[in-house]
Amino acid sequence: MPKFTFKHKHQLTIDDAKYRLSKLIEELKIDFGSFIRNPKESWTDYIAHFSFEISGGRVDGIVKLIEDEAFLEISYPIILIPFRNIVEKEIKRKAIELLS
């Protein structure tokens, strides 16, 4: 499965970063509209596991917060390679926006 990893430094408290990133899937659903289906997200302390379906493929991701950094790792099936740049660009853009 192809993977996308992303690391971003921020100046928020870890709890504020968690609160803001907990809106990531909701924000992506707004941006992608009906293309995103079955969004799921669960947090344990400062680690989130999320998934959603887009164009017939499932995207799985993990968010890890450590003090002033957020780490995202996203994996998706080969069927979504044509949409790779769009998905990665939007997730990265939205995460940076939420952490600003």
PDB file of N, CA and C in Angstrom:
ATOM      1  N   MET A   1       0.832  -1.183   0.000  1.00  0.00           N
ATOM      2  CA  MET A   1       0.000   0.000   0.000  1.00  0.00           C
ATOM      3  C   MET A   1       0.873   1.242   0.000  1.00  0.00           C
ATOM      4  N   PRO A   2       0.591   2.197  -0.884  1.00  0.00           N
ATOM      5  CA  PRO A   2       1.335   3.463  -0.853  1.00  0.00           C
ATOM      6  C   PRO A   2       1.082   4.207   0.463  1.00  0.00           C
ATOM      7  N   LYS A   3       2.103   4.928   0.916  1.00  0.00           N
ATOM      8  CA  LYS A   3       1.988   5.692   2.157  1.00  0.00           C
ATOM      9  C   LYS A   3       2.437   7.122   1.936  1.00  0.00           C
ATOM     10  N   PHE A   4       1.871   7.996   2.748  1.00  0.00           N
ATOM     11  CA  PHE A   4       2.222   9.406   2.760  1.00  0.00           C
ATOM     12  C   PHE A   4       2.490   9.763   4.210  1.00  0.00           C
ATOM     13  N   THR A   5       3.646  10.344   4.484  1.00  0.00           N
ATOM     14  CA  THR A   5       3.944  10.789   5.839  1.00  0.00           C
ATOM     15  C   THR A   5       4.193  12.289   5.822  1.00  0.00           C
ATOM     16  N   PHE A   6       3.871  12.909   6.923  1.00  0.00           N
ATOM     17  CA  PHE A   6       3.930  14.358   7.008  1.00  0.00           C
ATOM     18  C   PHE A   6       4.204  14.728   8.459  1.00  0.00           C
ATOM     19  N   LYS A   7       5.107  15.668   8.662  1.00  0.00           N
ATOM     20  CA  LYS A   7       5.438  16.163   9.999  1.00  0.00           C
ATOM     21  C   LYS A   7       5.324  17.679   9.970  1.00  0.00           C
ATOM     22  N   HIS A   8       4.708  18.235  11.019  1.00  0.00           N
ATOM     23  CA  HIS A   8       4.535  19.684  11.056  1.00  0.00           C
ATOM     24  C   HIS A   8       4.732  20.195  12.480  1.00  0.00           C
ATOM     25  N   LYS A   9       5.606  21.180  12.626  1.00  0.00           N
ATOM     26  CA  LYS A   9       5.804  21.839  13.927  1.00  0.00           C
ATOM     27  C   LYS A   9       4.712  22.892  14.098  1.00  0.00           C
ATOM     28  N   HIS A  10       4.279  23.058  15.337  1.00  0.00           N
ATOM     29  CA  HIS A  10       3.252  24.059  15.634  1.00  0.00           C
ATOM     30  C   HIS A  10       3.589  24.733  16.963  1.00  0.00           C
ATOM     31  N   GLN A  11       2.854  25.778  17.268  1.00  0.00           N
ATOM     32  CA  GLN A  11       3.107  26.519  18.503  1.00  0.00           C
ATOM     33  C   GLN A  11       1.919  26.443  19.452  1.00  0.00           C
ATOM     34  N   LEU A  12       1.112  25.413  19.327  1.00  0.00           N
ATOM     35  CA  LEU A  12      -0.059  25.228  20.172  1.00  0.00           C
ATOM     36  C   LEU A  12       0.283  24.331  21.354  1.00  0.00           C
ATOM     37  N   THR A  13      -0.583  24.346  22.361  1.00  0.00           N
ATOM     38  CA  THR A  13      -0.439  23.327  23.393  1.00  0.00           C
ATOM     39  C   THR A  13      -0.846  21.998  22.766  1.00  0.00           C
ATOM     40  N   ILE A  14      -0.404  20.921  23.335  1.00  0.00           N
ATOM     41  CA  ILE A  14      -0.726  19.616  22.772  1.00  0.00           C
ATOM     42  C   ILE A  14      -2.242  19.357  22.812  1.00  0.00           C
ATOM     43  N   ASP A  15      -2.918  19.863  23.860  1.00  0.00           N
ATOM     44  CA  ASP A  15      -4.373  19.683  23.939  1.00  0.00           C
ATOM     45  C   ASP A  15      -5.103  20.509  22.888  1.00  0.00           C
ATOM     46  N   ASP A  16      -4.621  21.707  22.626  1.00  0.00           N
ATOM     47  CA  ASP A  16      -5.231  22.533  21.587  1.00  0.00           C
ATOM     48  C   ASP A  16      -4.993  21.916  20.207  1.00  0.00           C
ATOM     49  N   ALA A  17      -3.798  21.387  19.980  1.00  0.00           N
ATOM     50  CA  ALA A  17      -3.500  20.724  18.704  1.00  0.00           C
ATOM     51  C   ALA A  17      -4.421  19.516  18.512  1.00  0.00           C
ATOM     52  N   LYS A  18      -4.635  18.764  19.587  1.00  0.00           N
ATOM     53  CA  LYS A  18      -5.535  17.605  19.503  1.00  0.00           C
ATOM     54  C   LYS A  18      -6.955  18.063  19.180  1.00  0.00           C
ATOM     55  N   TYR A  19      -7.417  19.081  19.867  1.00  0.00           N
ATOM     56  CA  TYR A  19      -8.760  19.599  19.615  1.00  0.00           C
ATOM     57  C   TYR A  19      -8.913  20.026  18.152  1.00  0.00           C
ATOM     58  N   ARG A  20      -7.942  20.748  17.650  1.00  0.00           N
ATOM     59  CA  ARG A  20      -8.030  21.230  16.270  1.00  0.00           C
ATOM     60  C   ARG A  20      -7.946  20.093  15.251  1.00  0.00           C
ATOM     61  N   LEU A  21      -7.025  19.164  15.471  1.00  0.00           N
ATOM     62  CA  LEU A  21      -6.881  18.061  14.517  1.00  0.00           C
ATOM     63  C   LEU A  21      -8.034  17.066  14.603  1.00  0.00           C
ATOM     64  N   SER A  22      -8.780  17.110  15.705  1.00  0.00           N
ATOM     65  CA  SER A  22      -9.950  16.237  15.794  1.00  0.00           C
ATOM     66  C   SER A  22     -11.014  16.657  14.785  1.00  0.00           C
ATOM     67  N   LYS A  23     -10.839  17.814  14.175  1.00  0.00           N
ATOM     68  CA  LYS A  23     -11.774  18.310  13.158  1.00  0.00           C
ATOM     69  C   LYS A  23     -11.293  18.007  11.736  1.00  0.00           C
ATOM     70  N   LEU A  24     -10.162  17.322  11.602  1.00  0.00           N
ATOM     71  CA  LEU A  24      -9.567  17.087  10.286  1.00  0.00           C
ATOM     72  C   LEU A  24     -10.516  16.340   9.345  1.00  0.00           C
ATOM     73  N   ILE A  25     -11.079  15.232   9.781  1.00  0.00           N
ATOM     74  CA  ILE A  25     -11.954  14.439   8.916  1.00  0.00           C
ATOM     75  C   ILE A  25     -13.208  15.233   8.558  1.00  0.00           C
ATOM     76  N   GLU A  26     -13.755  15.926   9.539  1.00  0.00           N
ATOM     77  CA  GLU A  26     -14.940  16.755   9.287  1.00  0.00           C
ATOM     78  C   GLU A  26     -14.643  17.821   8.227  1.00  0.00           C
ATOM     79  N   GLU A  27     -13.486  18.445   8.330  1.00  0.00           N
ATOM     80  CA  GLU A  27     -13.088  19.475   7.362  1.00  0.00           C
ATOM     81  C   GLU A  27     -12.851  18.870   5.977  1.00  0.00           C
ATOM     82  N   LEU A  28     -12.234  17.694   5.924  1.00  0.00           N
ATOM     83  CA  LEU A  28     -12.028  17.043   4.627  1.00  0.00           C
ATOM     84  C   LEU A  28     -13.358  16.662   3.998  1.00  0.00           C
ATOM     85  N   LYS A  29     -14.303  16.250   4.818  1.00  0.00           N
ATOM     86  CA  LYS A  29     -15.629  15.892   4.300  1.00  0.00           C
ATOM     87  C   LYS A  29     -16.290  17.116   3.684  1.00  0.00           C
ATOM     88  N   ILE A  30     -16.105  18.269   4.281  1.00  0.00           N
ATOM     89  CA  ILE A  30     -16.654  19.510   3.715  1.00  0.00           C
ATOM     90  C   ILE A  30     -15.989  19.795   2.373  1.00  0.00           C
ATOM     91  N   ASP A  31     -14.664  19.652   2.311  1.00  0.00           N
ATOM     92  CA  ASP A  31     -13.936  19.950   1.076  1.00  0.00           C
ATOM     93  C   ASP A  31     -14.241  18.963  -0.046  1.00  0.00           C
ATOM     94  N   PHE A  32     -14.313  17.669   0.293  1.00  0.00           N
ATOM     95  CA  PHE A  32     -14.521  16.648  -0.730  1.00  0.00           C
ATOM     96  C   PHE A  32     -15.989  16.299  -0.926  1.00  0.00           C
ATOM     97  N   GLY A  33     -16.857  16.786  -0.053  1.00  0.00           N
ATOM     98  CA  GLY A  33     -18.289  16.555  -0.194  1.00  0.00           C
ATOM     99  C   GLY A  33     -18.650  15.083  -0.180  1.00  0.00           C
ATOM    100  N   SER A  34     -19.479  14.706  -1.112  1.00  0.00           N
ATOM    101  CA  SER A  34     -20.012  13.344  -1.140  1.00  0.00           C
ATOM    102  C   SER A  34     -18.970  12.308  -1.562  1.00  0.00           C
ATOM    103  N   PHE A  35     -17.781  12.731  -1.954  1.00  0.00           N
ATOM    104  CA  PHE A  35     -16.740  11.762  -2.327  1.00  0.00           C
ATOM    105  C   PHE A  35     -16.237  10.979  -1.115  1.00  0.00           C
ATOM    106  N   ILE A  36     -16.290  11.593   0.068  1.00  0.00           N
ATOM    107  CA  ILE A  36     -15.843  10.913   1.285  1.00  0.00           C
ATOM    108  C   ILE A  36     -17.035  10.209   1.921  1.00  0.00           C
ATOM    109  N   ARG A  37     -16.835   8.919   2.153  1.00  0.00           N
ATOM    110  CA  ARG A  37     -17.890   8.113   2.773  1.00  0.00           C
ATOM    111  C   ARG A  37     -17.319   7.345   3.960  1.00  0.00           C
ATOM    112  N   ASN A  38     -18.204   7.012   4.874  1.00  0.00           N
ATOM    113  CA  ASN A  38     -17.860   6.200   6.053  1.00  0.00           C
ATOM    114  C   ASN A  38     -16.653   6.728   6.833  1.00  0.00           C
ATOM    115  N   PRO A  39     -16.642   8.016   7.170  1.00  0.00           N
ATOM    116  CA  PRO A  39     -15.510   8.524   7.954  1.00  0.00           C
ATOM    117  C   PRO A  39     -15.542   7.971   9.384  1.00  0.00           C
ATOM    118  N   LYS A  40     -14.381   7.595   9.880  1.00  0.00           N
ATOM    119  CA  LYS A  40     -14.254   7.091  11.252  1.00  0.00           C
ATOM    120  C   LYS A  40     -13.008   7.699  11.867  1.00  0.00           C
ATOM    121  N   GLU A  41     -13.097   7.934  13.175  1.00  0.00           N
ATOM    122  CA  GLU A  41     -11.964   8.533  13.878  1.00  0.00           C
ATOM    123  C   GLU A  41     -12.047   8.142  15.344  1.00  0.00           C
ATOM    124  N   SER A  42     -10.931   7.765  15.926  1.00  0.00           N
ATOM    125  CA  SER A  42     -10.891   7.488  17.359  1.00  0.00           C
ATOM    126  C   SER A  42      -9.554   7.949  17.919  1.00  0.00           C
ATOM    127  N   TRP A  43      -9.619   8.570  19.081  1.00  0.00           N
ATOM    128  CA  TRP A  43      -8.434   9.087  19.754  1.00  0.00           C
ATOM    129  C   TRP A  43      -8.160   8.290  21.016  1.00  0.00           C
ATOM    130  N   THR A  44      -6.899   8.007  21.270  1.00  0.00           N
ATOM    131  CA  THR A  44      -6.424   7.475  22.544  1.00  0.00           C
ATOM    132  C   THR A  44      -5.266   8.371  22.946  1.00  0.00           C
ATOM    133  N   ASP A  45      -5.494   9.128  23.984  1.00  0.00           N
ATOM    134  CA  ASP A  45      -4.525  10.138  24.414  1.00  0.00           C
ATOM    135  C   ASP A  45      -4.220  11.074  23.238  1.00  0.00           C
ATOM    136  N   TYR A  46      -2.996  11.062  22.746  1.00  0.00           N
ATOM    137  CA  TYR A  46      -2.611  11.979  21.670  1.00  0.00           C
ATOM    138  C   TYR A  46      -2.326  11.252  20.360  1.00  0.00           C
ATOM    139  N   ILE A  47      -2.989  10.134  20.184  1.00  0.00           N
ATOM    140  CA  ILE A  47      -2.873   9.362  18.940  1.00  0.00           C
ATOM    141  C   ILE A  47      -4.271   9.107  18.389  1.00  0.00           C
ATOM    142  N   ALA A  48      -4.452   9.425  17.124  1.00  0.00           N
ATOM    143  CA  ALA A  48      -5.748   9.207  16.476  1.00  0.00           C
ATOM    144  C   ALA A  48      -5.592   8.221  15.328  1.00  0.00           C
ATOM    145  N   HIS A  49      -6.557   7.367  15.193  1.00  0.00           N
ATOM    146  CA  HIS A  49      -6.667   6.486  14.037  1.00  0.00           C
ATOM    147  C   HIS A  49      -7.903   6.934  13.282  1.00  0.00           C
ATOM    148  N   PHE A  50      -7.765   7.117  11.976  1.00  0.00           N
ATOM    149  CA  PHE A  50      -8.921   7.526  11.195  1.00  0.00           C
ATOM    150  C   PHE A  50      -8.939   6.788   9.871  1.00  0.00           C
ATOM    151  N   SER A  51     -10.116   6.770   9.268  1.00  0.00           N
ATOM    152  CA  SER A  51     -10.266   6.160   7.953  1.00  0.00           C
ATOM    153  C   SER A  51     -11.470   6.775   7.261  1.00  0.00           C
ATOM    154  N   PHE A  52     -11.463   6.687   5.953  1.00  0.00           N
ATOM    155  CA  PHE A  52     -12.621   7.072   5.151  1.00  0.00           C
ATOM    156  C   PHE A  52     -12.476   6.422   3.786  1.00  0.00           C
ATOM    157  N   GLU A  53     -13.571   6.350   3.086  1.00  0.00           N
ATOM    158  CA  GLU A  53     -13.566   5.804   1.733  1.00  0.00           C
ATOM    159  C   GLU A  53     -13.717   6.950   0.756  1.00  0.00           C
ATOM    160  N   ILE A  54     -12.982   6.865  -0.335  1.00  0.00           N
ATOM    161  CA  ILE A  54     -13.070   7.868  -1.386  1.00  0.00           C
ATOM    162  C   ILE A  54     -12.852   7.167  -2.725  1.00  0.00           C
ATOM    163  N   SER A  55     -13.760   7.387  -3.640  1.00  0.00           N
ATOM    164  CA  SER A  55     -13.687   6.799  -4.986  1.00  0.00           C
ATOM    165  C   SER A  55     -13.429   5.294  -4.967  1.00  0.00           C
ATOM    166  N   GLY A  56     -14.101   4.591  -4.070  1.00  0.00           N
ATOM    167  CA  GLY A  56     -14.003   3.139  -4.043  1.00  0.00           C
ATOM    168  C   GLY A  56     -12.821   2.569  -3.296  1.00  0.00           C
ATOM    169  N   GLY A  57     -11.986   3.407  -2.705  1.00  0.00           N
ATOM    170  CA  GLY A  57     -10.836   2.924  -1.948  1.00  0.00           C
ATOM    171  C   GLY A  57     -10.859   3.469  -0.537  1.00  0.00           C
ATOM    172  N   ARG A  58     -10.238   2.752   0.369  1.00  0.00           N
ATOM    173  CA  ARG A  58     -10.223   3.160   1.771  1.00  0.00           C
ATOM    174  C   ARG A  58      -8.878   3.788   2.128  1.00  0.00           C
ATOM    175  N   VAL A  59      -8.932   4.936   2.746  1.00  0.00           N
ATOM    176  CA  VAL A  59      -7.757   5.653   3.240  1.00  0.00           C
ATOM    177  C   VAL A  59      -7.704   5.445   4.749  1.00  0.00           C
ATOM    178  N   ASP A  60      -6.545   5.006   5.253  1.00  0.00           N
ATOM    179  CA  ASP A  60      -6.331   4.827   6.687  1.00  0.00           C
ATOM    180  C   ASP A  60      -5.226   5.773   7.131  1.00  0.00           C
ATOM    181  N   GLY A  61      -5.384   6.329   8.314  1.00  0.00           N
ATOM    182  CA  GLY A  61      -4.366   7.251   8.784  1.00  0.00           C
ATOM    183  C   GLY A  61      -4.183   7.224  10.283  1.00  0.00           C
ATOM    184  N   ILE A  62      -3.034   7.727  10.685  1.00  0.00           N
ATOM    185  CA  ILE A  62      -2.689   7.875  12.098  1.00  0.00           C
ATOM    186  C   ILE A  62      -2.155   9.290  12.290  1.00  0.00           C
ATOM    187  N   VAL A  63      -2.612   9.931  13.345  1.00  0.00           N
ATOM    188  CA  VAL A  63      -2.084  11.229  13.761  1.00  0.00           C
ATOM    189  C   VAL A  63      -1.444  11.008  15.122  1.00  0.00           C
ATOM    190  N   LYS A  64      -0.200  11.461  15.277  1.00  0.00           N
ATOM    191  CA  LYS A  64       0.486  11.388  16.568  1.00  0.00           C
ATOM    192  C   LYS A  64       0.926  12.795  16.942  1.00  0.00           C
ATOM    193  N   LEU A  65       0.590  13.187  18.141  1.00  0.00           N
ATOM    194  CA  LEU A  65       0.998  14.493  18.640  1.00  0.00           C
ATOM    195  C   LEU A  65       2.045  14.318  19.719  1.00  0.00           C
ATOM    196  N   ILE A  66       3.154  15.037  19.554  1.00  0.00           N
ATOM    197  CA  ILE A  66       4.229  15.024  20.537  1.00  0.00           C
ATOM    198  C   ILE A  66       4.638  16.475  20.763  1.00  0.00           C
ATOM    199  N   GLU A  67       4.253  17.007  21.907  1.00  0.00           N
ATOM    200  CA  GLU A  67       4.558  18.392  22.276  1.00  0.00           C
ATOM    201  C   GLU A  67       4.240  19.378  21.150  1.00  0.00           C
ATOM    202  N   ASP A  68       5.266  19.831  20.413  1.00  0.00           N
ATOM    203  CA  ASP A  68       5.055  20.877  19.412  1.00  0.00           C
ATOM    204  C   ASP A  68       5.099  20.347  17.979  1.00  0.00           C
ATOM    205  N   GLU A  69       4.879  19.041  17.798  1.00  0.00           N
ATOM    206  CA  GLU A  69       4.890  18.462  16.464  1.00  0.00           C
ATOM    207  C   GLU A  69       3.695  17.539  16.266  1.00  0.00           C
ATOM    208  N   ALA A  70       3.222  17.529  15.041  1.00  0.00           N
ATOM    209  CA  ALA A  70       2.172  16.601  14.638  1.00  0.00           C
ATOM    210  C   ALA A  70       2.742  15.717  13.531  1.00  0.00           C
ATOM    211  N   PHE A  71       2.530  14.422  13.661  1.00  0.00           N
ATOM    212  CA  PHE A  71       2.957  13.460  12.651  1.00  0.00           C
ATOM    213  C   PHE A  71       1.720  12.809  12.058  1.00  0.00           C
ATOM    214  N   LEU A  72       1.646  12.748  10.754  1.00  0.00           N
ATOM    215  CA  LEU A  72       0.547  12.073  10.074  1.00  0.00           C
ATOM    216  C   LEU A  72       1.121  11.002   9.162  1.00  0.00           C
ATOM    217  N   GLU A  73       0.497   9.854   9.175  1.00  0.00           N
ATOM    218  CA  GLU A  73       0.847   8.796   8.248  1.00  0.00           C
ATOM    219  C   GLU A  73      -0.444   8.285   7.636  1.00  0.00           C
ATOM    220  N   ILE A  74      -0.496   8.270   6.336  1.00  0.00           N
ATOM    221  CA  ILE A  74      -1.703   7.887   5.623  1.00  0.00           C
ATOM    222  C   ILE A  74      -1.347   6.788   4.629  1.00  0.00           C
ATOM    223  N   SER A  75      -2.160   5.759   4.596  1.00  0.00           N
ATOM    224  CA  SER A  75      -1.968   4.700   3.603  1.00  0.00           C
ATOM    225  C   SER A  75      -3.264   4.530   2.825  1.00  0.00           C
ATOM    226  N   TYR A  76      -3.109   4.144   1.590  1.00  0.00           N
ATOM    227  CA  TYR A  76      -4.268   3.988   0.716  1.00  0.00           C
ATOM    228  C   TYR A  76      -3.966   2.920  -0.327  1.00  0.00           C
ATOM    229  N   PRO A  77      -5.010   2.320  -0.888  1.00  0.00           N
ATOM    230  CA  PRO A  77      -4.792   1.241  -1.852  1.00  0.00           C
ATOM    231  C   PRO A  77      -4.308   1.762  -3.198  1.00  0.00           C
ATOM    232  N   ILE A  78      -3.749   0.882  -3.970  1.00  0.00           N
ATOM    233  CA  ILE A  78      -3.222   1.232  -5.294  1.00  0.00           C
ATOM    234  C   ILE A  78      -4.288   1.870  -6.177  1.00  0.00           C
ATOM    235  N   ILE A  79      -5.539   1.466  -5.995  1.00  0.00           N
ATOM    236  CA  ILE A  79      -6.626   2.012  -6.817  1.00  0.00           C
ATOM    237  C   ILE A  79      -6.732   3.534  -6.694  1.00  0.00           C
ATOM    238  N   LEU A  80      -6.245   4.080  -5.588  1.00  0.00           N
ATOM    239  CA  LEU A  80      -6.336   5.534  -5.375  1.00  0.00           C
ATOM    240  C   LEU A  80      -5.107   6.301  -5.845  1.00  0.00           C
ATOM    241  N   ILE A  81      -4.137   5.628  -6.450  1.00  0.00           N
ATOM    242  CA  ILE A  81      -2.935   6.325  -6.918  1.00  0.00           C
ATOM    243  C   ILE A  81      -3.270   7.494  -7.854  1.00  0.00           C
ATOM    244  N   PRO A  82      -4.262   7.370  -8.749  1.00  0.00           N
ATOM    245  CA  PRO A  82      -4.587   8.533  -9.590  1.00  0.00           C
ATOM    246  C   PRO A  82      -5.038   9.763  -8.787  1.00  0.00           C
ATOM    247  N   PHE A  83      -5.541   9.543  -7.573  1.00  0.00           N
ATOM    248  CA  PHE A  83      -6.015  10.646  -6.732  1.00  0.00           C
ATOM    249  C   PHE A  83      -5.000  11.020  -5.659  1.00  0.00           C
ATOM    250  N   ARG A  84      -3.847  10.386  -5.691  1.00  0.00           N
ATOM    251  CA  ARG A  84      -2.831  10.545  -4.645  1.00  0.00           C
ATOM    252  C   ARG A  84      -2.484  12.005  -4.381  1.00  0.00           C
ATOM    253  N   ASN A  85      -2.119  12.734  -5.409  1.00  0.00           N
ATOM    254  CA  ASN A  85      -1.701  14.128  -5.215  1.00  0.00           C
ATOM    255  C   ASN A  85      -2.805  14.974  -4.617  1.00  0.00           C
ATOM    256  N   ILE A  86      -4.025  14.761  -5.061  1.00  0.00           N
ATOM    257  CA  ILE A  86      -5.152  15.544  -4.542  1.00  0.00           C
ATOM    258  C   ILE A  86      -5.374  15.241  -3.068  1.00  0.00           C
ATOM    259  N   VAL A  87      -5.421  13.960  -2.726  1.00  0.00           N
ATOM    260  CA  VAL A  87      -5.676  13.553  -1.346  1.00  0.00           C
ATOM    261  C   VAL A  87      -4.549  14.034  -0.428  1.00  0.00           C
ATOM    262  N   GLU A  88      -3.311  13.785  -0.802  1.00  0.00           N
ATOM    263  CA  GLU A  88      -2.180  14.193   0.032  1.00  0.00           C
ATOM    264  C   GLU A  88      -2.121  15.708   0.199  1.00  0.00           C
ATOM    265  N   LYS A  89      -2.309  16.425  -0.885  1.00  0.00           N
ATOM    266  CA  LYS A  89      -2.251  17.886  -0.845  1.00  0.00           C
ATOM    267  C   LYS A  89      -3.338  18.448   0.068  1.00  0.00           C
ATOM    268  N   GLU A  90      -4.548  17.918  -0.029  1.00  0.00           N
ATOM    269  CA  GLU A  90      -5.655  18.423   0.791  1.00  0.00           C
ATOM    270  C   GLU A  90      -5.461  18.096   2.262  1.00  0.00           C
ATOM    271  N   ILE A  91      -5.025  16.882   2.563  1.00  0.00           N
ATOM    272  CA  ILE A  91      -4.814  16.509   3.962  1.00  0.00           C
ATOM    273  C   ILE A  91      -3.711  17.374   4.570  1.00  0.00           C
ATOM    274  N   LYS A  92      -2.627  17.563   3.857  1.00  0.00           N
ATOM    275  CA  LYS A  92      -1.521  18.396   4.341  1.00  0.00           C
ATOM    276  C   LYS A  92      -1.975  19.846   4.524  1.00  0.00           C
ATOM    277  N   ARG A  93      -2.658  20.388   3.517  1.00  0.00           N
ATOM    278  CA  ARG A  93      -3.136  21.773   3.600  1.00  0.00           C
ATOM    279  C   ARG A  93      -4.078  21.965   4.780  1.00  0.00           C
ATOM    280  N   LYS A  94      -5.013  21.041   4.943  1.00  0.00           N
ATOM    281  CA  LYS A  94      -5.995  21.179   6.007  1.00  0.00           C
ATOM    282  C   LYS A  94      -5.347  21.023   7.376  1.00  0.00           C
ATOM    283  N   ALA A  95      -4.398  20.093   7.524  1.00  0.00           N
ATOM    284  CA  ALA A  95      -3.715  19.914   8.809  1.00  0.00           C
ATOM    285  C   ALA A  95      -2.934  21.174   9.183  1.00  0.00           C
ATOM    286  N   ILE A  96      -2.222  21.757   8.228  1.00  0.00           N
ATOM    287  CA  ILE A  96      -1.474  22.990   8.500  1.00  0.00           C
ATOM    288  C   ILE A  96      -2.428  24.114   8.878  1.00  0.00           C
ATOM    289  N   GLU A  97      -3.521  24.216   8.161  1.00  0.00           N
ATOM    290  CA  GLU A  97      -4.524  25.257   8.456  1.00  0.00           C
ATOM    291  C   GLU A  97      -5.069  25.091   9.876  1.00  0.00           C
ATOM    292  N   LEU A  98      -5.396  23.878  10.255  1.00  0.00           N
ATOM    293  CA  LEU A  98      -5.955  23.632  11.596  1.00  0.00           C
ATOM    294  C   LEU A  98      -4.929  23.895  12.691  1.00  0.00           C
ATOM    295  N   LEU A  99      -3.659  23.695  12.409  1.00  0.00           N
ATOM    296  CA  LEU A  99      -2.611  23.894  13.418  1.00  0.00           C
ATOM    297  C   LEU A  99      -2.071  25.315  13.454  1.00  0.00           C
ATOM    298  N   SER A 100      -2.588  26.171  12.602  1.00  0.00           N
ATOM    299  CA  SER A 100      -2.099  27.565  12.561  1.00  0.00           C
ATOM    300  C   SER A 100      -2.876  28.459  13.504  1.00  0.00           C
TER     301      SER A 100
END
